[in-house]
PDB file of N, CA and C in Angstrom:
ATOM      1  N   MET A   1       1.978  30.044   4.979  1.00  0.00           N
ATOM      2  CA  MET A   1       2.935  29.078   5.517  1.00  0.00           C
ATOM      3  C   MET A   1       2.566  27.664   5.074  1.00  0.00           C
ATOM      4  N   GLU A   2       1.285  27.343   5.128  1.00  0.00           N
ATOM      5  CA  GLU A   2       0.862  25.997   4.739  1.00  0.00           C
ATOM      6  C   GLU A   2       1.097  25.759   3.256  1.00  0.00           C
ATOM      7  N   ARG A   3       0.897  26.792   2.447  1.00  0.00           N
ATOM      8  CA  ARG A   3       1.146  26.629   1.009  1.00  0.00           C
ATOM      9  C   ARG A   3       2.617  26.381   0.743  1.00  0.00           C
ATOM     10  N   THR A   4       3.469  27.083   1.465  1.00  0.00           N
ATOM     11  CA  THR A   4       4.912  26.886   1.283  1.00  0.00           C
ATOM     12  C   THR A   4       5.295  25.462   1.631  1.00  0.00           C
ATOM     13  N   ILE A   5       4.779  24.952   2.750  1.00  0.00           N
ATOM     14  CA  ILE A   5       5.081  23.582   3.164  1.00  0.00           C
ATOM     15  C   ILE A   5       4.568  22.597   2.121  1.00  0.00           C
ATOM     16  N   ALA A   6       3.361  22.839   1.612  1.00  0.00           N
ATOM     17  CA  ALA A   6       2.786  21.939   0.611  1.00  0.00           C
ATOM     18  C   ALA A   6       3.630  21.955  -0.662  1.00  0.00           C
ATOM     19  N   THR A   7       4.095  23.141  -1.049  1.00  0.00           N
ATOM     20  CA  THR A   7       4.932  23.246  -2.249  1.00  0.00           C
ATOM     21  C   THR A   7       6.238  22.491  -2.065  1.00  0.00           C
ATOM     22  N   ILE A   8       6.858  22.660  -0.899  1.00  0.00           N
ATOM     23  CA  ILE A   8       8.119  21.957  -0.627  1.00  0.00           C
ATOM     24  C   ILE A   8       7.875  20.456  -0.610  1.00  0.00           C
ATOM     25  N   PHE A   9       6.756  20.059   0.026  1.00  0.00           N
ATOM     26  CA  PHE A   9       6.437  18.638   0.104  1.00  0.00           C
ATOM     27  C   PHE A   9       6.264  18.055  -1.291  1.00  0.00           C
ATOM     28  N   THR A  10       5.549  18.773  -2.160  1.00  0.00           N
ATOM     29  CA  THR A  10       5.322  18.282  -3.515  1.00  0.00           C
ATOM     30  C   THR A  10       6.631  18.217  -4.291  1.00  0.00           C
ATOM     31  N   GLY A  11       7.457  19.250  -4.159  1.00  0.00           N
ATOM     32  CA  GLY A  11       8.725  19.292  -4.887  1.00  0.00           C
ATOM     33  C   GLY A  11       9.653  18.174  -4.474  1.00  0.00           C
ATOM     34  N   TYR A  12       9.790  17.970  -3.163  1.00  0.00           N
ATOM     35  CA  TYR A  12      10.693  16.924  -2.704  1.00  0.00           C
ATOM     36  C   TYR A  12      10.066  15.548  -2.845  1.00  0.00           C
ATOM     37  N   GLY A  13       8.733  15.484  -2.834  1.00  0.00           N
ATOM     38  CA  GLY A  13       8.058  14.198  -2.971  1.00  0.00           C
ATOM     39  C   GLY A  13       8.296  13.593  -4.339  1.00  0.00           C
ATOM     40  N   GLN A  14       8.513  14.446  -5.347  1.00  0.00           N
ATOM     41  CA  GLN A  14       8.732  13.950  -6.699  1.00  0.00           C
ATOM     42  C   GLN A  14      10.193  13.591  -6.940  1.00  0.00           C
ATOM     43  N   THR A  15      11.061  13.955  -5.986  1.00  0.00           N
ATOM     44  CA  THR A  15      12.468  13.599  -6.141  1.00  0.00           C
ATOM     45  C   THR A  15      12.724  12.261  -5.470  1.00  0.00           C
ATOM     46  N   LYS A  16      13.988  11.860  -5.423  1.00  0.00           N
ATOM     47  CA  LYS A  16      14.331  10.549  -4.876  1.00  0.00           C
ATOM     48  C   LYS A  16      14.609  10.591  -3.376  1.00  0.00           C
ATOM     49  N   VAL A  17      14.551  11.777  -2.766  1.00  0.00           N
ATOM     50  CA  VAL A  17      14.855  11.878  -1.333  1.00  0.00           C
ATOM     51  C   VAL A  17      13.752  12.648  -0.610  1.00  0.00           C
ATOM     52  N   PRO A  18      12.580  12.048  -0.443  1.00  0.00           N
ATOM     53  CA  PRO A  18      11.491  12.746   0.248  1.00  0.00           C
ATOM     54  C   PRO A  18      11.785  12.955   1.725  1.00  0.00           C
ATOM     55  N   ILE A  19      12.597  12.066   2.329  1.00  0.00           N
ATOM     56  CA  ILE A  19      12.925  12.208   3.751  1.00  0.00           C
ATOM     57  C   ILE A  19      13.692  13.506   3.982  1.00  0.00           C
ATOM     58  N   PHE A  20      14.560  13.865   3.037  1.00  0.00           N
ATOM     59  CA  PHE A  20      15.321  15.110   3.162  1.00  0.00           C
ATOM     60  C   PHE A  20      14.372  16.302   3.174  1.00  0.00           C
ATOM     61  N   GLY A  21      13.328  16.239   2.346  1.00  0.00           N
ATOM     62  CA  GLY A  21      12.336  17.315   2.313  1.00  0.00           C
ATOM     63  C   GLY A  21      11.609  17.432   3.641  1.00  0.00           C
ATOM     64  N   ILE A  22      11.276  16.275   4.231  1.00  0.00           N
ATOM     65  CA  ILE A  22      10.590  16.290   5.521  1.00  0.00           C
ATOM     66  C   ILE A  22      11.488  16.908   6.582  1.00  0.00           C
ATOM     67  N   CYS A  23      12.779  16.574   6.543  1.00  0.00           N
ATOM     68  CA  CYS A  23      13.719  17.144   7.508  1.00  0.00           C
ATOM     69  C   CYS A  23      13.824  18.651   7.325  1.00  0.00           C
ATOM     70  N   CYS A  24      13.844  19.095   6.082  1.00  0.00           N
ATOM     71  CA  CYS A  24      13.910  20.534   5.820  1.00  0.00           C
ATOM     72  C   CYS A  24      12.685  21.228   6.382  1.00  0.00           C
ATOM     73  N   ILE A  25      11.521  20.607   6.212  1.00  0.00           N
ATOM     74  CA  ILE A  25      10.288  21.191   6.735  1.00  0.00           C
ATOM     75  C   ILE A  25      10.358  21.260   8.255  1.00  0.00           C
ATOM     76  N   LEU A  26      10.874  20.205   8.877  1.00  0.00           N
ATOM     77  CA  LEU A  26      10.990  20.200  10.339  1.00  0.00           C
ATOM     78  C   LEU A  26      11.923  21.311  10.802  1.00  0.00           C
ATOM     79  N   ILE A  27      13.018  21.513  10.066  1.00  0.00           N
ATOM     80  CA  ILE A  27      13.964  22.571  10.432  1.00  0.00           C
ATOM     81  C   ILE A  27      13.299  23.938  10.286  1.00  0.00           C
ATOM     82  N   LEU A  28      12.601  24.154   9.168  1.00  0.00           N
ATOM     83  CA  LEU A  28      11.949  25.440   8.937  1.00  0.00           C
ATOM     84  C   LEU A  28      10.884  25.714   9.986  1.00  0.00           C
ATOM     85  N   VAL A  29      10.059  24.710  10.262  1.00  0.00           N
ATOM     86  CA  VAL A  29       8.995  24.888  11.256  1.00  0.00           C
ATOM     87  C   VAL A  29       9.597  25.101  12.640  1.00  0.00           C
ATOM     88  N   GLY A  30      10.655  24.346  12.956  1.00  0.00           N
ATOM     89  CA  GLY A  30      11.289  24.483  14.265  1.00  0.00           C
ATOM     90  C   GLY A  30      11.898  25.861  14.455  1.00  0.00           C
ATOM     91  N   ASN A  31      12.528  26.392  13.410  1.00  0.00           N
ATOM     92  CA  ASN A  31      13.110  27.726  13.500  1.00  0.00           C
ATOM     93  C   ASN A  31      12.026  28.795  13.505  1.00  0.00           C
ATOM     94  N   PHE A  32      10.930  28.547  12.781  1.00  0.00           N
ATOM     95  CA  PHE A  32       9.844  29.529  12.693  1.00  0.00           C
ATOM     96  C   PHE A  32       9.122  29.641  14.029  1.00  0.00           C
ATOM     97  N   ILE A  33       8.849  28.517  14.641  1.00  0.00           N
ATOM     98  CA  ILE A  33       8.126  28.519  15.914  1.00  0.00           C
ATOM     99  C   ILE A  33       9.093  28.691  17.085  1.00  0.00           C
ATOM    100  N   ASN A  34      10.366  28.320  16.875  1.00  0.00           N
ATOM    101  CA  ASN A  34      11.382  28.379  17.926  1.00  0.00           C
ATOM    102  C   ASN A  34      10.939  27.546  19.121  1.00  0.00           C
ATOM    103  N   TYR A  35      10.490  26.327  18.841  1.00  0.00           N
ATOM    104  CA  TYR A  35       9.935  25.461  19.872  1.00  0.00           C
ATOM    105  C   TYR A  35      10.390  24.032  19.632  1.00  0.00           C
ATOM    106  N   ARG A  36      10.920  23.407  20.651  1.00  0.00           N
ATOM    107  CA  ARG A  36      11.436  22.038  20.543  1.00  0.00           C
ATOM    108  C   ARG A  36      12.515  21.946  19.466  1.00  0.00           C
ATOM    109  N   ARG A  37      13.407  22.901  19.449  1.00  0.00           N
ATOM    110  CA  ARG A  37      14.451  22.915  18.417  1.00  0.00           C
ATOM    111  C   ARG A  37      15.367  21.705  18.563  1.00  0.00           C
ATOM    112  N   CYS A  38      15.666  21.319  19.799  1.00  0.00           N
ATOM    113  CA  CYS A  38      16.541  20.167  20.019  1.00  0.00           C
ATOM    114  C   CYS A  38      15.905  18.907  19.452  1.00  0.00           C
ATOM    115  N   TRP A  39      14.585  18.778  19.612  1.00  0.00           N
ATOM    116  CA  TRP A  39      13.894  17.595  19.095  1.00  0.00           C
ATOM    117  C   TRP A  39      14.002  17.547  17.578  1.00  0.00           C
ATOM    118  N   VAL A  40      13.880  18.703  16.927  1.00  0.00           N
ATOM    119  CA  VAL A  40      13.985  18.757  15.468  1.00  0.00           C
ATOM    120  C   VAL A  40      15.387  18.354  15.029  1.00  0.00           C
ATOM    121  N   ILE A  41      16.405  18.838  15.741  1.00  0.00           N
ATOM    122  CA  ILE A  41      17.788  18.513  15.382  1.00  0.00           C
ATOM    123  C   ILE A  41      18.032  17.017  15.519  1.00  0.00           C
ATOM    124  N   ILE A  42      17.512  16.416  16.591  1.00  0.00           N
ATOM    125  CA  ILE A  42      17.700  14.977  16.805  1.00  0.00           C
ATOM    126  C   ILE A  42      17.050  14.186  15.676  1.00  0.00           C
ATOM    127  N   VAL A  43      15.829  14.565  15.303  1.00  0.00           N
ATOM    128  CA  VAL A  43      15.117  13.850  14.241  1.00  0.00           C
ATOM    129  C   VAL A  43      15.867  13.984  12.923  1.00  0.00           C
ATOM    130  N   CYS A  44      16.356  15.182  12.614  1.00  0.00           N
ATOM    131  CA  CYS A  44      17.049  15.403  11.351  1.00  0.00           C
ATOM    132  C   CYS A  44      18.374  14.648  11.324  1.00  0.00           C
ATOM    133  N   ASN A  45      19.067  14.594  12.456  1.00  0.00           N
ATOM    134  CA  ASN A  45      20.310  13.822  12.504  1.00  0.00           C
ATOM    135  C   ASN A  45      20.017  12.356  12.248  1.00  0.00           C
ATOM    136  N   TYR A  46      18.912  11.863  12.784  1.00  0.00           N
ATOM    137  CA  TYR A  46      18.527  10.470  12.556  1.00  0.00           C
ATOM    138  C   TYR A  46      18.227  10.247  11.073  1.00  0.00           C
ATOM    139  N   CYS A  47      17.554  11.206  10.444  1.00  0.00           N
ATOM    140  CA  CYS A  47      17.205  11.067   9.029  1.00  0.00           C
ATOM    141  C   CYS A  47      18.469  11.032   8.176  1.00  0.00           C
ATOM    142  N   PHE A  48      19.411  11.920   8.451  1.00  0.00           N
ATOM    143  CA  PHE A  48      20.623  11.976   7.642  1.00  0.00           C
ATOM    144  C   PHE A  48      21.466  10.722   7.854  1.00  0.00           C
ATOM    145  N   ASN A  49      21.497  10.214   9.091  1.00  0.00           N
ATOM    146  CA  ASN A  49      22.247   8.981   9.355  1.00  0.00           C
ATOM    147  C   ASN A  49      21.551   7.798   8.700  1.00  0.00           C
ATOM    148  N   PHE A  50      20.223   7.851   8.627  1.00  0.00           N
ATOM    149  CA  PHE A  50      19.458   6.769   8.013  1.00  0.00           C
ATOM    150  C   PHE A  50      19.746   6.698   6.521  1.00  0.00           C
ATOM    151  N   ASN A  51      19.906   7.857   5.890  1.00  0.00           N
ATOM    152  CA  ASN A  51      20.207   7.882   4.466  1.00  0.00           C
ATOM    153  C   ASN A  51      21.679   7.562   4.244  1.00  0.00           C
TER     154      ASN A  51
END
C-alpha cells in the first residue's frame, strides 16, 4: 500500500497538478480504511474548488 501511494505521489508530483494527486490519495485511503469518509470528501471538494 505504501509503495502504491509513493508511486502515485511521484507520478502526480511531476505533473502540474500535485494537489489533485493528494486528493486522489485521500480518496483511496478513505475508501480503503472506510474511516472519516466525510472528512476526505470535504477536503477534496476544497481542493477542487481551490483549483
